[in-house]
Amino acid sequence: MSHPEYVLPNTLHAGYRYKMAMKHVETAKAAGKSAEEIHEVFNIISNFFQGNS
């Protein structure tokens, strides 16, 4: 399964949120989480406080 390319929103903290989300994704992978759980982690972190950026 190929993943769609994630396009960073044009907001102040988008790059930082993306880097943090990927860090958490790597941790989730190492912990043996499922693909669904990994996607959920990415979405939660990358969208965190998105409205305040």
N, C-alpha and C. Protein backbone atom coordinates (compact mmCIF):
# COMPACT_ATOMS: atom_id res chain seq x y z
N MET A 1 0.85 -1.18 0.00
CA MET A 1 0.00 0.00 0.00
C MET A 1 0.88 1.23 0.00
N SER A 2 0.66 2.12 -0.93
CA SER A 2 1.45 3.35 -0.95
C SER A 2 0.66 4.45 -0.24
N HIS A 3 1.40 5.30 0.41
CA HIS A 3 0.78 6.39 1.16
C HIS A 3 0.71 7.63 0.30
N PRO A 4 -0.38 8.37 0.39
CA PRO A 4 -0.44 9.63 -0.35
C PRO A 4 0.57 10.61 0.23
N GLU A 5 1.07 11.47 -0.61
CA GLU A 5 2.03 12.47 -0.15
C GLU A 5 1.33 13.46 0.76
N TYR A 6 1.93 13.72 1.92
CA TYR A 6 1.35 14.67 2.86
C TYR A 6 1.83 16.07 2.49
N VAL A 7 0.91 16.96 2.24
CA VAL A 7 1.24 18.34 1.90
C VAL A 7 1.09 19.18 3.15
N LEU A 8 2.17 19.83 3.55
CA LEU A 8 2.14 20.66 4.75
C LEU A 8 1.26 21.88 4.53
N PRO A 9 0.40 22.18 5.48
CA PRO A 9 -0.38 23.41 5.38
C PRO A 9 0.55 24.62 5.49
N ASN A 10 0.14 25.72 4.96
CA ASN A 10 0.95 26.93 4.99
C ASN A 10 0.66 27.69 6.29
N THR A 11 1.12 27.11 7.40
CA THR A 11 0.92 27.73 8.71
C THR A 11 2.25 27.81 9.43
N LEU A 12 2.28 28.59 10.48
CA LEU A 12 3.51 28.87 11.21
C LEU A 12 4.18 27.62 11.76
N HIS A 13 3.44 26.71 12.35
CA HIS A 13 4.04 25.57 13.03
C HIS A 13 3.86 24.24 12.29
N ALA A 14 3.45 24.27 11.05
CA ALA A 14 3.17 23.04 10.30
C ALA A 14 4.39 22.13 10.21
N GLY A 15 5.54 22.68 9.91
CA GLY A 15 6.76 21.88 9.78
C GLY A 15 7.13 21.22 11.09
N TYR A 16 7.01 21.94 12.18
CA TYR A 16 7.33 21.39 13.50
C TYR A 16 6.37 20.26 13.86
N ARG A 17 5.07 20.48 13.61
CA ARG A 17 4.08 19.44 13.91
C ARG A 17 4.34 18.19 13.09
N TYR A 18 4.73 18.37 11.82
CA TYR A 18 5.03 17.23 10.95
C TYR A 18 6.22 16.44 11.49
N LYS A 19 7.28 17.14 11.88
CA LYS A 19 8.47 16.46 12.43
C LYS A 19 8.13 15.71 13.71
N MET A 20 7.33 16.33 14.58
CA MET A 20 6.94 15.67 15.82
C MET A 20 6.04 14.46 15.53
N ALA A 21 5.15 14.60 14.56
CA ALA A 21 4.28 13.48 14.20
C ALA A 21 5.10 12.31 13.69
N MET A 22 6.10 12.58 12.85
CA MET A 22 6.92 11.51 12.32
C MET A 22 7.76 10.86 13.42
N LYS A 23 8.19 11.63 14.39
CA LYS A 23 8.92 11.07 15.53
C LYS A 23 8.02 10.10 16.30
N HIS A 24 6.78 10.48 16.52
CA HIS A 24 5.83 9.61 17.22
C HIS A 24 5.47 8.39 16.37
N VAL A 25 5.42 8.57 15.05
CA VAL A 25 5.14 7.44 14.15
C VAL A 25 6.25 6.40 14.26
N GLU A 26 7.50 6.84 14.26
CA GLU A 26 8.61 5.91 14.38
C GLU A 26 8.55 5.16 15.71
N THR A 27 8.19 5.84 16.77
CA THR A 27 8.04 5.20 18.08
C THR A 27 6.91 4.17 18.05
N ALA A 28 5.80 4.53 17.41
CA ALA A 28 4.66 3.61 17.31
C ALA A 28 5.03 2.37 16.49
N LYS A 29 5.78 2.57 15.40
CA LYS A 29 6.24 1.43 14.59
C LYS A 29 7.11 0.51 15.41
N ALA A 30 8.04 1.09 16.16
CA ALA A 30 8.95 0.29 16.98
C ALA A 30 8.19 -0.48 18.06
N ALA A 31 7.07 0.06 18.50
CA ALA A 31 6.25 -0.59 19.53
C ALA A 31 5.33 -1.65 18.93
N GLY A 32 5.36 -1.80 17.60
CA GLY A 32 4.54 -2.82 16.96
C GLY A 32 3.09 -2.45 16.76
N LYS A 33 2.80 -1.16 16.72
CA LYS A 33 1.41 -0.72 16.52
C LYS A 33 0.94 -1.05 15.11
N SER A 34 -0.36 -1.17 14.94
CA SER A 34 -0.94 -1.47 13.63
C SER A 34 -0.89 -0.21 12.74
N ALA A 35 -1.10 -0.42 11.45
CA ALA A 35 -1.09 0.70 10.50
C ALA A 35 -2.17 1.72 10.87
N GLU A 36 -3.33 1.23 11.31
CA GLU A 36 -4.41 2.15 11.69
C GLU A 36 -4.02 2.99 12.90
N GLU A 37 -3.38 2.35 13.88
CA GLU A 37 -2.93 3.08 15.07
C GLU A 37 -1.85 4.11 14.70
N ILE A 38 -0.96 3.74 13.80
CA ILE A 38 0.11 4.65 13.37
C ILE A 38 -0.49 5.85 12.65
N HIS A 39 -1.47 5.62 11.77
CA HIS A 39 -2.12 6.75 11.08
C HIS A 39 -2.84 7.65 12.07
N GLU A 40 -3.46 7.06 13.07
CA GLU A 40 -4.15 7.85 14.08
C GLU A 40 -3.16 8.73 14.84
N VAL A 41 -2.02 8.17 15.22
CA VAL A 41 -0.99 8.94 15.91
C VAL A 41 -0.54 10.11 15.04
N PHE A 42 -0.27 9.84 13.77
CA PHE A 42 0.16 10.90 12.86
C PHE A 42 -0.88 12.01 12.78
N ASN A 43 -2.13 11.63 12.60
CA ASN A 43 -3.19 12.63 12.47
C ASN A 43 -3.37 13.45 13.74
N ILE A 44 -3.31 12.81 14.88
CA ILE A 44 -3.48 13.53 16.15
C ILE A 44 -2.37 14.56 16.32
N ILE A 45 -1.13 14.13 16.14
CA ILE A 45 0.00 15.04 16.35
C ILE A 45 0.06 16.13 15.28
N SER A 46 -0.11 15.77 14.02
CA SER A 46 0.02 16.77 12.95
C SER A 46 -1.11 17.79 12.97
N ASN A 47 -2.24 17.45 13.58
CA ASN A 47 -3.37 18.39 13.65
C ASN A 47 -3.46 19.11 14.99
N PHE A 48 -2.55 18.83 15.91
CA PHE A 48 -2.59 19.40 17.24
C PHE A 48 -2.45 20.91 17.17
N PHE A 49 -3.40 21.62 17.71
CA PHE A 49 -3.42 23.09 17.72
C PHE A 49 -3.29 23.70 16.34
N GLN A 50 -3.70 23.00 15.31
CA GLN A 50 -3.59 23.51 13.95
C GLN A 50 -4.31 24.85 13.79
N GLY A 51 -5.42 25.01 14.47
CA GLY A 51 -6.17 26.26 14.35
C GLY A 51 -5.47 27.45 14.98
N ASN A 52 -4.46 27.19 15.84
CA ASN A 52 -3.77 28.28 16.52
C ASN A 52 -2.47 28.67 15.86
N SER A 53 -2.12 28.09 14.72
CA SER A 53 -0.83 28.37 14.08
C SER A 53 -0.89 29.58 13.21
